[in-house]
Amino acid sequence: MGYKSDHEFRSDLWDSATRGLPSNIKRQAHEHLGKYYKEEKNDMNYDQLLSVVKEVMNDYPEWSWNGQRWYQ
C-alpha cells in the first residue's frame, strides 16, 4: 500500500463528503468551502467537511444524506 500525500488524503475526504452529488453541486460546495473556510479548510476532518457540504445542501431540500452518500 502506497503513501498518500496530504492533498490526496484531503481529496478522498472531500469525495466521501460529496459522494452522490452532481458535479455542479460539488463545485458549489467547494466554492463555499474556499470562500467561508479559507484558513481552516486544510485542517478540517471528514465531519467538518461534511458539515460544510450540509450548509450548501440546505438549499437543496430534495437531496438527503444517508450516512454514506447523497441521494434524491
N, C-alpha and C. Protein backbone atom coordinates (compact mmCIF):
# COMPACT_ATOMS: atom_id res chain seq x y z
N MET A 1 0.85 -1.17 0.00
CA MET A 1 0.00 0.00 0.00
C MET A 1 0.89 1.23 0.00
N GLY A 2 0.65 2.14 -0.91
CA GLY A 2 1.48 3.32 -1.05
C GLY A 2 1.07 4.44 -0.12
N TYR A 3 1.98 5.35 0.05
CA TYR A 3 1.74 6.53 0.88
C TYR A 3 0.89 7.53 0.10
N LYS A 4 -0.08 8.12 0.77
CA LYS A 4 -0.91 9.15 0.15
C LYS A 4 -0.42 10.51 0.62
N SER A 5 -0.32 11.43 -0.32
CA SER A 5 0.04 12.79 0.06
C SER A 5 -1.13 13.41 0.82
N ASP A 6 -0.86 14.51 1.50
CA ASP A 6 -1.92 15.20 2.23
C ASP A 6 -3.03 15.63 1.28
N HIS A 7 -2.64 16.09 0.09
CA HIS A 7 -3.64 16.52 -0.90
C HIS A 7 -4.52 15.35 -1.32
N GLU A 8 -3.92 14.19 -1.57
CA GLU A 8 -4.70 13.01 -1.95
C GLU A 8 -5.63 12.59 -0.82
N PHE A 9 -5.14 12.64 0.40
CA PHE A 9 -5.95 12.28 1.57
C PHE A 9 -7.14 13.22 1.69
N ARG A 10 -6.89 14.53 1.57
CA ARG A 10 -7.97 15.52 1.67
C ARG A 10 -8.95 15.38 0.51
N SER A 11 -8.44 15.07 -0.67
CA SER A 11 -9.33 14.84 -1.83
C SER A 11 -10.24 13.66 -1.57
N ASP A 12 -9.70 12.61 -0.97
CA ASP A 12 -10.52 11.44 -0.63
C ASP A 12 -11.59 11.80 0.39
N LEU A 13 -11.25 12.61 1.38
CA LEU A 13 -12.23 13.05 2.38
C LEU A 13 -13.34 13.85 1.69
N TRP A 14 -12.95 14.75 0.81
CA TRP A 14 -13.93 15.58 0.10
C TRP A 14 -14.83 14.70 -0.77
N ASP A 15 -14.23 13.75 -1.48
CA ASP A 15 -15.02 12.84 -2.32
C ASP A 15 -16.03 12.06 -1.48
N SER A 16 -15.63 11.66 -0.29
CA SER A 16 -16.55 10.93 0.59
C SER A 16 -17.70 11.82 1.06
N ALA A 17 -17.41 13.08 1.37
CA ALA A 17 -18.43 14.00 1.87
C ALA A 17 -19.39 14.45 0.78
N THR A 18 -18.97 14.33 -0.49
CA THR A 18 -19.82 14.78 -1.60
C THR A 18 -20.28 13.61 -2.48
N ARG A 19 -20.09 12.40 -2.02
CA ARG A 19 -20.44 11.21 -2.81
C ARG A 19 -21.92 11.24 -3.19
N GLY A 20 -22.18 11.06 -4.48
CA GLY A 20 -23.55 11.02 -4.97
C GLY A 20 -24.04 12.33 -5.55
N LEU A 21 -23.32 13.41 -5.32
CA LEU A 21 -23.76 14.72 -5.81
C LEU A 21 -23.30 14.94 -7.25
N PRO A 22 -24.11 15.66 -8.03
CA PRO A 22 -23.67 16.01 -9.38
C PRO A 22 -22.55 17.04 -9.32
N SER A 23 -21.79 17.13 -10.39
CA SER A 23 -20.59 17.98 -10.40
C SER A 23 -20.89 19.45 -10.13
N ASN A 24 -22.03 19.96 -10.57
CA ASN A 24 -22.32 21.38 -10.34
C ASN A 24 -22.52 21.67 -8.85
N ILE A 25 -23.14 20.77 -8.11
CA ILE A 25 -23.32 20.99 -6.67
C ILE A 25 -22.01 20.76 -5.93
N LYS A 26 -21.20 19.79 -6.37
CA LYS A 26 -19.88 19.60 -5.77
C LYS A 26 -19.04 20.86 -5.92
N ARG A 27 -19.10 21.45 -7.10
CA ARG A 27 -18.35 22.68 -7.37
C ARG A 27 -18.84 23.81 -6.48
N GLN A 28 -20.15 23.93 -6.33
CA GLN A 28 -20.72 24.97 -5.47
C GLN A 28 -20.26 24.78 -4.02
N ALA A 29 -20.26 23.54 -3.56
CA ALA A 29 -19.81 23.25 -2.19
C ALA A 29 -18.32 23.58 -2.03
N HIS A 30 -17.53 23.27 -3.05
CA HIS A 30 -16.10 23.55 -2.99
C HIS A 30 -15.85 25.06 -2.96
N GLU A 31 -16.62 25.82 -3.73
CA GLU A 31 -16.50 27.28 -3.71
C GLU A 31 -16.91 27.84 -2.35
N HIS A 32 -17.94 27.27 -1.75
CA HIS A 32 -18.39 27.68 -0.41
C HIS A 32 -17.28 27.43 0.61
N LEU A 33 -16.65 26.27 0.51
CA LEU A 33 -15.55 25.92 1.40
C LEU A 33 -14.42 26.94 1.28
N GLY A 34 -14.03 27.27 0.06
CA GLY A 34 -12.94 28.22 -0.15
C GLY A 34 -13.28 29.63 0.28
N LYS A 35 -14.55 30.01 0.14
CA LYS A 35 -14.96 31.37 0.48
C LYS A 35 -15.09 31.58 1.99
N TYR A 36 -15.70 30.63 2.68
CA TYR A 36 -16.02 30.82 4.10
C TYR A 36 -15.08 30.11 5.06
N TYR A 37 -14.24 29.21 4.56
CA TYR A 37 -13.35 28.43 5.43
C TYR A 37 -11.93 28.42 4.88
N LYS A 38 -11.52 29.52 4.31
CA LYS A 38 -10.23 29.60 3.62
C LYS A 38 -9.06 29.21 4.53
N GLU A 39 -9.05 29.71 5.74
CA GLU A 39 -7.93 29.45 6.65
C GLU A 39 -7.93 28.02 7.19
N GLU A 40 -9.10 27.51 7.55
CA GLU A 40 -9.15 26.23 8.25
C GLU A 40 -9.40 25.02 7.35
N LYS A 41 -9.70 25.25 6.07
CA LYS A 41 -10.11 24.14 5.20
C LYS A 41 -9.07 23.02 5.10
N ASN A 42 -7.79 23.35 5.14
CA ASN A 42 -6.75 22.33 5.00
C ASN A 42 -6.54 21.51 6.27
N ASP A 43 -7.17 21.92 7.37
CA ASP A 43 -7.04 21.19 8.63
C ASP A 43 -8.34 20.50 9.03
N MET A 44 -9.36 20.58 8.19
CA MET A 44 -10.66 20.01 8.53
C MET A 44 -10.65 18.49 8.40
N ASN A 45 -11.38 17.85 9.31
CA ASN A 45 -11.55 16.40 9.23
C ASN A 45 -12.82 16.10 8.43
N TYR A 46 -13.12 14.83 8.29
CA TYR A 46 -14.28 14.41 7.49
C TYR A 46 -15.58 15.03 8.00
N ASP A 47 -15.82 14.98 9.30
CA ASP A 47 -17.07 15.51 9.86
C ASP A 47 -17.21 17.01 9.61
N GLN A 48 -16.12 17.72 9.70
CA GLN A 48 -16.16 19.16 9.45
C GLN A 48 -16.45 19.45 7.97
N LEU A 49 -15.83 18.69 7.08
CA LEU A 49 -16.09 18.87 5.65
C LEU A 49 -17.54 18.53 5.32
N LEU A 50 -18.05 17.47 5.92
CA LEU A 50 -19.44 17.09 5.69
C LEU A 50 -20.38 18.19 6.18
N SER A 51 -20.05 18.82 7.29
CA SER A 51 -20.88 19.93 7.80
C SER A 51 -20.91 21.09 6.81
N VAL A 52 -19.79 21.37 6.17
CA VAL A 52 -19.74 22.43 5.15
C VAL A 52 -20.64 22.06 3.98
N VAL A 53 -20.56 20.82 3.54
CA VAL A 53 -21.41 20.37 2.42
C VAL A 53 -22.88 20.47 2.82
N LYS A 54 -23.19 20.10 4.05
CA LYS A 54 -24.59 20.18 4.52
C LYS A 54 -25.09 21.62 4.54
N GLU A 55 -24.20 22.59 4.81
CA GLU A 55 -24.60 24.00 4.75
C GLU A 55 -25.10 24.35 3.35
N VAL A 56 -24.38 23.91 2.34
CA VAL A 56 -24.77 24.16 0.95
C VAL A 56 -26.05 23.40 0.61
N MET A 57 -26.16 22.19 1.12
CA MET A 57 -27.29 21.34 0.77
C MET A 57 -28.60 21.81 1.40
N ASN A 58 -28.53 22.75 2.33
CA ASN A 58 -29.76 23.34 2.86
C ASN A 58 -30.58 23.99 1.76
N ASP A 59 -29.93 24.39 0.67
CA ASP A 59 -30.62 24.98 -0.47
C ASP A 59 -31.21 23.93 -1.41
N TYR A 60 -30.97 22.67 -1.13
CA TYR A 60 -31.44 21.57 -1.97
C TYR A 60 -32.21 20.55 -1.12
N PRO A 61 -33.42 20.89 -0.69
CA PRO A 61 -34.17 20.00 0.20
C PRO A 61 -34.54 18.66 -0.43
N GLU A 62 -34.45 18.57 -1.75
CA GLU A 62 -34.77 17.30 -2.41
C GLU A 62 -33.64 16.27 -2.27
N TRP A 63 -32.49 16.68 -1.74
CA TRP A 63 -31.36 15.79 -1.51
C TRP A 63 -31.28 15.41 -0.03
N SER A 64 -30.90 14.16 0.23
CA SER A 64 -30.75 13.67 1.60
C SER A 64 -29.42 12.94 1.74
N TRP A 65 -28.93 12.88 2.96
CA TRP A 65 -27.69 12.18 3.29
C TRP A 65 -28.06 10.93 4.06
N ASN A 66 -27.58 9.77 3.61
CA ASN A 66 -27.92 8.52 4.29
C ASN A 66 -26.79 7.99 5.16
N GLY A 67 -25.78 8.79 5.40
CA GLY A 67 -24.65 8.37 6.21
C GLY A 67 -23.47 7.92 5.37
N GLN A 68 -23.71 7.66 4.08
CA GLN A 68 -22.64 7.23 3.18
C GLN A 68 -22.61 8.00 1.88
N ARG A 69 -23.77 8.51 1.46
CA ARG A 69 -23.83 9.23 0.19
C ARG A 69 -25.07 10.11 0.14
N TRP A 70 -25.07 11.04 -0.79
CA TRP A 70 -26.23 11.89 -1.04
C TRP A 70 -27.13 11.21 -2.05
N TYR A 71 -28.43 11.38 -1.91
CA TYR A 71 -29.38 10.82 -2.87
C TYR A 71 -30.59 11.72 -2.98
N GLN A 72 -31.31 11.57 -4.08
CA GLN A 72 -32.53 12.34 -4.32
C GLN A 72 -33.73 11.45 -4.14
